[in-house]
N, C-alpha and C. Protein backbone atom coordinates (compact mmCIF):
# COMPACT_ATOMS: atom_id res chain seq x y z
N MET A 1 -41.75 -105.40 -8.08
CA MET A 1 -40.68 -104.53 -7.64
C MET A 1 -40.54 -104.65 -6.14
N ASN A 2 -39.34 -104.90 -5.70
CA ASN A 2 -39.06 -105.09 -4.29
C ASN A 2 -38.67 -103.75 -3.67
N PHE A 3 -39.50 -103.24 -2.78
CA PHE A 3 -39.25 -101.94 -2.16
C PHE A 3 -39.04 -102.14 -0.67
N SER A 4 -37.95 -101.59 -0.16
CA SER A 4 -37.69 -101.67 1.26
C SER A 4 -36.93 -100.42 1.70
N LEU A 5 -36.84 -100.22 2.99
CA LEU A 5 -36.09 -99.07 3.50
C LEU A 5 -34.61 -99.18 3.18
N SER A 6 -34.07 -100.39 3.18
CA SER A 6 -32.65 -100.54 2.87
C SER A 6 -32.36 -100.20 1.40
N SER A 7 -33.28 -100.54 0.50
CA SER A 7 -33.06 -100.18 -0.91
C SER A 7 -33.18 -98.67 -1.10
N LEU A 8 -34.10 -98.04 -0.37
CA LEU A 8 -34.22 -96.58 -0.42
C LEU A 8 -32.97 -95.91 0.13
N TYR A 9 -32.45 -96.44 1.24
CA TYR A 9 -31.21 -95.92 1.83
C TYR A 9 -30.04 -96.08 0.86
N ASP A 10 -29.93 -97.25 0.23
CA ASP A 10 -28.85 -97.47 -0.73
C ASP A 10 -28.94 -96.51 -1.92
N TRP A 11 -30.16 -96.29 -2.42
CA TRP A 11 -30.34 -95.34 -3.52
C TRP A 11 -29.89 -93.94 -3.10
N TYR A 12 -30.33 -93.49 -1.92
CA TYR A 12 -29.99 -92.15 -1.43
C TYR A 12 -28.48 -92.02 -1.27
N ARG A 13 -27.86 -93.03 -0.68
CA ARG A 13 -26.41 -93.01 -0.45
C ARG A 13 -25.64 -92.96 -1.76
N ASN A 14 -26.04 -93.77 -2.73
CA ASN A 14 -25.37 -93.78 -4.03
C ASN A 14 -25.59 -92.46 -4.77
N ALA A 15 -26.80 -91.91 -4.67
CA ALA A 15 -27.09 -90.65 -5.37
C ALA A 15 -26.31 -89.49 -4.78
N ILE A 16 -26.18 -89.43 -3.47
CA ILE A 16 -25.48 -88.31 -2.85
C ILE A 16 -23.96 -88.43 -3.05
N ARG A 17 -23.47 -89.63 -3.25
CA ARG A 17 -22.03 -89.81 -3.49
C ARG A 17 -21.65 -89.64 -4.96
N HIS A 18 -22.63 -89.60 -5.84
CA HIS A 18 -22.35 -89.39 -7.26
C HIS A 18 -22.17 -87.89 -7.50
N PRO A 19 -21.01 -87.47 -8.00
CA PRO A 19 -20.76 -86.03 -8.15
C PRO A 19 -21.76 -85.30 -9.04
N LYS A 20 -22.33 -85.99 -10.01
CA LYS A 20 -23.27 -85.35 -10.93
C LYS A 20 -24.59 -85.01 -10.24
N TYR A 21 -25.02 -85.85 -9.31
CA TYR A 21 -26.32 -85.67 -8.67
C TYR A 21 -26.25 -85.13 -7.25
N ARG A 22 -25.05 -85.00 -6.71
CA ARG A 22 -24.88 -84.65 -5.30
C ARG A 22 -25.64 -83.39 -4.90
N TRP A 23 -25.46 -82.29 -5.63
CA TRP A 23 -26.10 -81.03 -5.24
C TRP A 23 -27.60 -81.08 -5.44
N TRP A 24 -28.07 -81.86 -6.41
CA TRP A 24 -29.51 -82.01 -6.60
C TRP A 24 -30.14 -82.75 -5.42
N VAL A 25 -29.46 -83.77 -4.94
CA VAL A 25 -29.98 -84.53 -3.80
C VAL A 25 -29.96 -83.67 -2.54
N ILE A 26 -28.89 -82.91 -2.33
CA ILE A 26 -28.81 -82.03 -1.16
C ILE A 26 -29.90 -80.97 -1.23
N LEU A 27 -30.09 -80.37 -2.40
CA LEU A 27 -31.13 -79.36 -2.58
C LEU A 27 -32.53 -79.96 -2.37
N GLY A 28 -32.76 -81.13 -2.94
CA GLY A 28 -34.05 -81.80 -2.76
C GLY A 28 -34.33 -82.14 -1.30
N THR A 29 -33.29 -82.58 -0.59
CA THR A 29 -33.45 -82.89 0.82
C THR A 29 -33.77 -81.64 1.62
N ALA A 30 -33.07 -80.54 1.33
CA ALA A 30 -33.33 -79.28 2.04
C ALA A 30 -34.75 -78.79 1.77
N ILE A 31 -35.20 -78.88 0.52
CA ILE A 31 -36.57 -78.46 0.18
C ILE A 31 -37.58 -79.34 0.90
N TYR A 32 -37.33 -80.64 0.96
CA TYR A 32 -38.24 -81.55 1.66
C TYR A 32 -38.32 -81.20 3.14
N LEU A 33 -37.18 -80.89 3.74
CA LEU A 33 -37.17 -80.57 5.17
C LEU A 33 -37.90 -79.27 5.47
N ILE A 34 -37.85 -78.31 4.55
CA ILE A 34 -38.49 -77.02 4.74
C ILE A 34 -39.98 -77.07 4.36
N SER A 35 -40.29 -77.88 3.39
CA SER A 35 -41.65 -77.95 2.83
C SER A 35 -42.68 -78.45 3.84
N PRO A 36 -43.87 -77.88 3.80
CA PRO A 36 -44.95 -78.38 4.67
C PRO A 36 -45.55 -79.69 4.16
N ILE A 37 -45.25 -80.06 2.90
CA ILE A 37 -45.76 -81.30 2.33
C ILE A 37 -44.74 -82.40 2.60
N ASP A 38 -45.11 -83.34 3.45
CA ASP A 38 -44.23 -84.43 3.85
C ASP A 38 -44.96 -85.76 3.73
N ILE A 39 -44.20 -86.84 3.93
CA ILE A 39 -44.82 -88.16 4.02
C ILE A 39 -45.71 -88.19 5.26
N ALA A 40 -45.17 -87.71 6.37
CA ALA A 40 -45.95 -87.55 7.60
C ALA A 40 -45.97 -86.05 7.90
N PRO A 41 -47.11 -85.40 7.75
CA PRO A 41 -47.18 -83.94 7.94
C PRO A 41 -46.70 -83.51 9.33
N ASP A 42 -46.08 -82.34 9.37
CA ASP A 42 -45.46 -81.86 10.60
C ASP A 42 -46.46 -81.50 11.69
N PHE A 43 -47.73 -81.27 11.34
CA PHE A 43 -48.69 -80.90 12.38
C PHE A 43 -49.10 -82.10 13.24
N ILE A 44 -48.77 -83.32 12.80
CA ILE A 44 -49.01 -84.51 13.63
C ILE A 44 -47.87 -84.58 14.64
N PRO A 45 -48.21 -84.55 15.94
CA PRO A 45 -47.12 -84.57 16.94
C PRO A 45 -46.22 -85.80 16.78
N ILE A 46 -45.04 -85.79 17.08
CA ILE A 46 -44.02 -86.85 17.03
C ILE A 46 -43.88 -87.47 15.64
N LEU A 47 -44.90 -88.08 15.07
CA LEU A 47 -44.80 -88.71 13.74
C LEU A 47 -44.40 -87.70 12.67
N GLY A 48 -44.87 -86.49 12.78
CA GLY A 48 -44.57 -85.47 11.79
C GLY A 48 -43.11 -85.07 11.79
N GLN A 49 -42.45 -85.22 12.92
CA GLN A 49 -41.05 -84.85 13.00
C GLN A 49 -40.10 -86.02 12.74
N ILE A 50 -40.60 -87.25 12.87
CA ILE A 50 -39.72 -88.42 12.73
C ILE A 50 -39.10 -88.48 11.34
N ASP A 51 -39.90 -88.31 10.28
CA ASP A 51 -39.33 -88.40 8.93
C ASP A 51 -38.33 -87.28 8.68
N ASP A 52 -38.61 -86.09 9.19
CA ASP A 52 -37.66 -84.97 9.01
C ASP A 52 -36.36 -85.22 9.75
N VAL A 53 -36.45 -85.71 10.97
CA VAL A 53 -35.25 -85.98 11.77
C VAL A 53 -34.43 -87.09 11.14
N MET A 54 -35.12 -88.13 10.67
CA MET A 54 -34.39 -89.24 10.03
C MET A 54 -33.69 -88.79 8.76
N LEU A 55 -34.36 -88.01 7.95
CA LEU A 55 -33.76 -87.54 6.71
C LEU A 55 -32.61 -86.56 6.98
N ALA A 56 -32.78 -85.67 7.95
CA ALA A 56 -31.71 -84.74 8.29
C ALA A 56 -30.51 -85.50 8.86
N GLY A 57 -30.78 -86.51 9.67
CA GLY A 57 -29.69 -87.34 10.20
C GLY A 57 -28.95 -88.09 9.11
N LEU A 58 -29.70 -88.63 8.17
CA LEU A 58 -29.10 -89.34 7.04
C LEU A 58 -28.24 -88.40 6.20
N LEU A 59 -28.76 -87.22 5.92
CA LEU A 59 -28.00 -86.24 5.14
C LEU A 59 -26.73 -85.85 5.88
N PHE A 60 -26.83 -85.57 7.17
CA PHE A 60 -25.66 -85.18 7.96
C PHE A 60 -24.63 -86.31 8.01
N THR A 61 -25.09 -87.53 8.21
CA THR A 61 -24.18 -88.68 8.27
C THR A 61 -23.43 -88.86 6.96
N GLU A 62 -24.15 -88.84 5.86
CA GLU A 62 -23.51 -89.05 4.56
C GLU A 62 -22.53 -87.93 4.22
N LEU A 63 -22.93 -86.69 4.47
CA LEU A 63 -22.03 -85.57 4.17
C LEU A 63 -20.79 -85.61 5.06
N SER A 64 -20.96 -85.94 6.33
CA SER A 64 -19.79 -86.00 7.22
C SER A 64 -18.86 -87.14 6.82
N GLN A 65 -19.39 -88.29 6.39
CA GLN A 65 -18.54 -89.38 5.92
C GLN A 65 -17.78 -88.98 4.66
N MET A 66 -18.43 -88.26 3.77
CA MET A 66 -17.75 -87.81 2.55
C MET A 66 -16.65 -86.81 2.87
N VAL A 67 -16.90 -85.90 3.80
CA VAL A 67 -15.89 -84.91 4.18
C VAL A 67 -14.71 -85.61 4.85
N ILE A 68 -14.97 -86.54 5.74
CA ILE A 68 -13.89 -87.27 6.41
C ILE A 68 -13.06 -88.05 5.40
N ALA A 69 -13.70 -88.72 4.45
CA ALA A 69 -12.98 -89.47 3.42
C ALA A 69 -12.13 -88.54 2.56
N LYS A 70 -12.68 -87.37 2.22
CA LYS A 70 -11.93 -86.40 1.41
C LYS A 70 -10.70 -85.90 2.17
N LEU A 71 -10.87 -85.59 3.47
CA LEU A 71 -9.74 -85.12 4.27
C LEU A 71 -8.68 -86.20 4.43
N GLN A 72 -9.11 -87.46 4.60
CA GLN A 72 -8.15 -88.55 4.73
C GLN A 72 -7.38 -88.76 3.43
N SER A 73 -8.04 -88.70 2.29
CA SER A 73 -7.35 -88.89 1.02
C SER A 73 -6.40 -87.74 0.75
N ARG A 74 -6.80 -86.53 1.14
CA ARG A 74 -5.91 -85.37 0.98
C ARG A 74 -4.66 -85.53 1.85
N GLN A 75 -4.84 -86.03 3.09
CA GLN A 75 -3.71 -86.24 3.99
C GLN A 75 -2.80 -87.34 3.46
N GLU A 76 -3.39 -88.42 2.93
CA GLU A 76 -2.59 -89.50 2.35
C GLU A 76 -1.81 -89.00 1.14
N ASN A 77 -2.43 -88.20 0.29
CA ASN A 77 -1.71 -87.65 -0.87
C ASN A 77 -0.58 -86.75 -0.43
N LYS A 78 -0.80 -85.98 0.61
CA LYS A 78 0.24 -85.10 1.14
C LYS A 78 1.40 -85.92 1.70
N ASN A 79 1.09 -87.01 2.40
CA ASN A 79 2.14 -87.87 2.95
C ASN A 79 2.93 -88.56 1.85
N VAL A 80 2.25 -89.01 0.81
CA VAL A 80 2.93 -89.66 -0.31
C VAL A 80 3.83 -88.66 -1.02
N ALA A 81 3.36 -87.44 -1.22
CA ALA A 81 4.17 -86.42 -1.88
C ALA A 81 5.39 -86.08 -1.04
N THR A 82 5.25 -86.03 0.27
CA THR A 82 6.37 -85.73 1.16
C THR A 82 7.38 -86.86 1.13
N GLU A 83 6.91 -88.10 1.13
CA GLU A 83 7.82 -89.24 1.09
C GLU A 83 8.57 -89.31 -0.23
N ASN A 84 7.89 -89.04 -1.33
CA ASN A 84 8.53 -89.11 -2.65
C ASN A 84 9.53 -87.99 -2.86
N SER A 85 9.28 -86.83 -2.31
CA SER A 85 10.19 -85.71 -2.54
C SER A 85 11.51 -85.90 -1.82
N GLY A 86 11.53 -86.63 -0.73
CA GLY A 86 12.76 -86.84 0.02
C GLY A 86 13.57 -88.01 -0.49
N SER A 87 13.03 -88.86 -1.33
CA SER A 87 13.73 -90.07 -1.76
C SER A 87 14.36 -89.95 -3.15
N GLU A 88 14.29 -88.80 -3.76
CA GLU A 88 14.89 -88.64 -5.07
C GLU A 88 16.41 -88.51 -4.95
N THR A 89 17.12 -89.18 -5.83
CA THR A 89 18.58 -89.15 -5.82
C THR A 89 19.06 -88.20 -6.90
N VAL A 90 20.01 -87.36 -6.54
CA VAL A 90 20.57 -86.41 -7.48
C VAL A 90 22.05 -86.73 -7.64
N ASP A 91 22.50 -86.95 -8.88
CA ASP A 91 23.91 -87.20 -9.15
C ASP A 91 24.63 -85.88 -9.36
N VAL A 92 25.76 -85.72 -8.68
CA VAL A 92 26.53 -84.48 -8.76
C VAL A 92 27.97 -84.83 -9.08
N ASP A 93 28.57 -84.11 -10.03
CA ASP A 93 29.99 -84.26 -10.32
C ASP A 93 30.74 -83.22 -9.50
N ALA A 94 31.62 -83.71 -8.64
CA ALA A 94 32.37 -82.79 -7.76
C ALA A 94 33.78 -82.61 -8.28
N GLU A 95 34.29 -81.41 -8.15
CA GLU A 95 35.65 -81.10 -8.52
C GLU A 95 36.31 -80.37 -7.37
N THR A 96 37.59 -80.60 -7.19
CA THR A 96 38.31 -79.92 -6.13
C THR A 96 38.78 -78.57 -6.66
N VAL A 97 38.76 -77.61 -5.77
CA VAL A 97 39.20 -76.26 -6.11
C VAL A 97 40.57 -76.04 -5.49
N PRO A 98 41.60 -75.68 -6.32
CA PRO A 98 42.95 -75.49 -5.75
C PRO A 98 42.98 -74.26 -4.85
N ASN A 99 43.72 -74.36 -3.76
CA ASN A 99 43.90 -73.24 -2.85
C ASN A 99 45.07 -72.37 -3.34
N ASN A 100 44.89 -71.10 -3.33
CA ASN A 100 45.98 -70.20 -3.77
C ASN A 100 46.66 -69.58 -2.61
C-alpha cells in the first residue's frame, strides 16, 4: 500500500467535498483539534501545534473554496436566469380602436 501525504490530502479533500460525508469530516476534524490525543501531542512545544495548525488550515482552505464555488455558481445561475428572462418573445395581436 502506497501511503503519502498527497494521498492523505486527496482523501481528505474528496471526503469533505462529498455531501454525504462532509459533516462527518468537519465534525471529526473539530474533535481532533479539540482532543488532547493527537499524532503529535500538544504538550510538545512547536511540534504539538504543527499538526493542529496544518489540519485547521486545510479545513479552512477547503471550506472557503467550497463556499466560493457555491457563490460563483449561484451568481452564474442568477445571470443566466436574467439573460433568459429578457430574451423571450411574446406575440401580440393588435387592433386599432376607433375614436368617437
